Amino acid sequence: MPIATGNLNDGLLALVDGKFVTLRVPYPMGFYAKWMDGRIDDPNGGWKGKGLWATTSTRAPFHMEGGRGTRPKVAKFQLRPDPLAR
């Protein structure tokens, strides 16, 4: 599945069945993805053993939520096959 780092979208944009789906990050506000990587942490764990990791930062970190001294953050997206998957 193609995934883009949508600027000013507070998340990542995934192209699913010809439509863009926003994988939104509620915190920090103004999530600006600088990097992302899909990983399989546990090959036997099914969907729970897989994740999409992304870092957030900006060229002016003092403008990020939290103000001066705010450090870059890492977000993990846990992608389920359906909303009620266990």
C-alpha atoms as a PDB file:
ATOM      1  CA  MET A   1       0.000   0.000   0.000  1.00  0.00           C
ATOM      2  CA  PRO A   2       1.477   3.386  -0.944  1.00  0.00           C
ATOM      3  CA  ILE A   3       1.842   5.789   1.984  1.00  0.00           C
ATOM      4  CA  ALA A   4       2.727   9.487   1.731  1.00  0.00           C
ATOM      5  CA  THR A   5       3.867  11.966   4.359  1.00  0.00           C
ATOM      6  CA  GLY A   6       1.087  14.485   3.810  1.00  0.00           C
ATOM      7  CA  ASN A   7       2.339  17.912   4.817  1.00  0.00           C
ATOM      8  CA  LEU A   8      -0.029  19.760   7.173  1.00  0.00           C
ATOM      9  CA  ASN A   9      -2.311  16.707   7.478  1.00  0.00           C
ATOM     10  CA  ASP A  10      -1.424  15.766  11.079  1.00  0.00           C
ATOM     11  CA  GLY A  11      -0.681  12.239   9.910  1.00  0.00           C
ATOM     12  CA  LEU A  12       0.157   9.966   7.020  1.00  0.00           C
ATOM     13  CA  LEU A  13      -1.846   9.432   3.823  1.00  0.00           C
ATOM     14  CA  ALA A  14      -2.440   5.829   2.714  1.00  0.00           C
ATOM     15  CA  LEU A  15      -3.841   5.005  -0.718  1.00  0.00           C
ATOM     16  CA  VAL A  16      -6.446   2.251  -0.159  1.00  0.00           C
ATOM     17  CA  ASP A  17      -8.652   1.037  -3.016  1.00  0.00           C
ATOM     18  CA  GLY A  18      -8.030   4.232  -4.997  1.00  0.00           C
ATOM     19  CA  LYS A  19      -8.930   6.595  -2.120  1.00  0.00           C
ATOM     20  CA  PHE A  20      -6.675   8.366   0.360  1.00  0.00           C
ATOM     21  CA  VAL A  21      -7.147   7.461   4.023  1.00  0.00           C
ATOM     22  CA  THR A  22      -5.591   9.746   6.652  1.00  0.00           C
ATOM     23  CA  LEU A  23      -3.755   7.983   9.486  1.00  0.00           C
ATOM     24  CA  ARG A  24      -4.134  10.868  11.932  1.00  0.00           C
ATOM     25  CA  VAL A  25      -1.949  11.577  14.953  1.00  0.00           C
ATOM     26  CA  PRO A  26      -3.817  13.386  17.761  1.00  0.00           C
ATOM     27  CA  TYR A  27      -0.653  14.493  19.596  1.00  0.00           C
ATOM     28  CA  PRO A  28       1.563  16.398  19.035  1.00  0.00           C
ATOM     29  CA  MET A  29      -0.528  18.880  17.117  1.00  0.00           C
ATOM     30  CA  GLY A  30       0.958  19.654  13.726  1.00  0.00           C
ATOM     31  CA  PHE A  31       2.464  16.172  13.203  1.00  0.00           C
ATOM     32  CA  TYR A  32       4.992  16.635  10.389  1.00  0.00           C
ATOM     33  CA  ALA A  33       6.391  13.245   9.361  1.00  0.00           C
ATOM     34  CA  LYS A  34      10.095  13.335   8.530  1.00  0.00           C
ATOM     35  CA  TRP A  35      10.624   9.584   8.130  1.00  0.00           C
ATOM     36  CA  MET A  36       8.605   6.349   8.232  1.00  0.00           C
ATOM     37  CA  ASP A  37       9.300   2.652   8.243  1.00  0.00           C
ATOM     38  CA  GLY A  38       7.112  -0.459   8.236  1.00  0.00           C
ATOM     39  CA  ARG A  39       8.389  -3.155  10.587  1.00  0.00           C
ATOM     40  CA  ILE A  40       7.574  -6.711  11.552  1.00  0.00           C
ATOM     41  CA  ASP A  41       8.585  -7.009  15.200  1.00  0.00           C
ATOM     42  CA  ASP A  42       7.040 -10.461  15.761  1.00  0.00           C
ATOM     43  CA  PRO A  43       6.578 -12.628  12.635  1.00  0.00           C
ATOM     44  CA  ASN A  44       4.230 -14.958  14.530  1.00  0.00           C
ATOM     45  CA  GLY A  45       2.173 -12.143  16.091  1.00  0.00           C
ATOM     46  CA  GLY A  46      -0.182 -11.539  13.154  1.00  0.00           C
ATOM     47  CA  TRP A  47      -1.252  -7.890  12.798  1.00  0.00           C
ATOM     48  CA  LYS A  48      -0.178  -7.179  16.409  1.00  0.00           C
ATOM     49  CA  GLY A  49       3.430  -7.978  15.508  1.00  0.00           C
ATOM     50  CA  LYS A  50       3.532  -5.404  12.708  1.00  0.00           C
ATOM     51  CA  GLY A  51       3.649  -1.628  12.849  1.00  0.00           C
ATOM     52  CA  LEU A  52       4.307   1.548  10.933  1.00  0.00           C
ATOM     53  CA  TRP A  53       6.780   3.868  12.663  1.00  0.00           C
ATOM     54  CA  ALA A  54       7.156   7.562  11.865  1.00  0.00           C
ATOM     55  CA  THR A  55       9.162  10.407  13.349  1.00  0.00           C
ATOM     56  CA  THR A  56       7.952  13.978  13.671  1.00  0.00           C
ATOM     57  CA  SER A  57       9.988  17.142  13.750  1.00  0.00           C
ATOM     58  CA  THR A  58      10.368  20.465  12.029  1.00  0.00           C
ATOM     59  CA  ARG A  59      13.110  22.841  11.006  1.00  0.00           C
ATOM     60  CA  ALA A  60      11.932  25.177  13.775  1.00  0.00           C
ATOM     61  CA  PRO A  61      11.341  22.906  16.830  1.00  0.00           C
ATOM     62  CA  PHE A  62      10.623  25.928  19.035  1.00  0.00           C
ATOM     63  CA  HIS A  63       7.396  26.362  17.029  1.00  0.00           C
ATOM     64  CA  MET A  64       6.212  22.825  17.839  1.00  0.00           C
ATOM     65  CA  GLU A  65       3.616  22.180  20.511  1.00  0.00           C
ATOM     66  CA  GLY A  66       5.509  22.326  23.796  1.00  0.00           C
ATOM     67  CA  GLY A  67       7.643  25.306  22.812  1.00  0.00           C
ATOM     68  CA  ARG A  68      11.355  25.755  23.249  1.00  0.00           C
ATOM     69  CA  GLY A  69      13.296  22.613  24.123  1.00  0.00           C
ATOM     70  CA  THR A  70      10.731  20.262  22.544  1.00  0.00           C
ATOM     71  CA  ARG A  71      12.444  17.199  21.118  1.00  0.00           C
ATOM     72  CA  PRO A  72      11.454  15.175  18.028  1.00  0.00           C
ATOM     73  CA  LYS A  73       9.047  12.298  18.695  1.00  0.00           C
ATOM     74  CA  VAL A  74       8.344   8.829  17.310  1.00  0.00           C
ATOM     75  CA  ALA A  75       4.808   7.538  16.612  1.00  0.00           C
ATOM     76  CA  LYS A  76       3.810   3.909  16.086  1.00  0.00           C
ATOM     77  CA  PHE A  77       0.757   3.172  13.947  1.00  0.00           C
ATOM     78  CA  GLN A  78      -0.868  -0.166  14.719  1.00  0.00           C
ATOM     79  CA  LEU A  79      -2.836  -1.173  11.612  1.00  0.00           C
ATOM     80  CA  ARG A  80      -5.670  -3.654  12.178  1.00  0.00           C
ATOM     81  CA  PRO A  81      -7.303  -5.698   9.412  1.00  0.00           C
ATOM     82  CA  ASP A  82     -10.685  -4.408  10.665  1.00  0.00           C
ATOM     83  CA  PRO A  83     -11.751  -2.116  13.556  1.00  0.00           C
ATOM     84  CA  LEU A  84     -12.921  -4.999  15.789  1.00  0.00           C
ATOM     85  CA  ALA A  85      -9.911  -7.277  15.281  1.00  0.00           C
ATOM     86  CA  ARG A  86      -8.525  -8.829  18.462  1.00  0.00           C
END
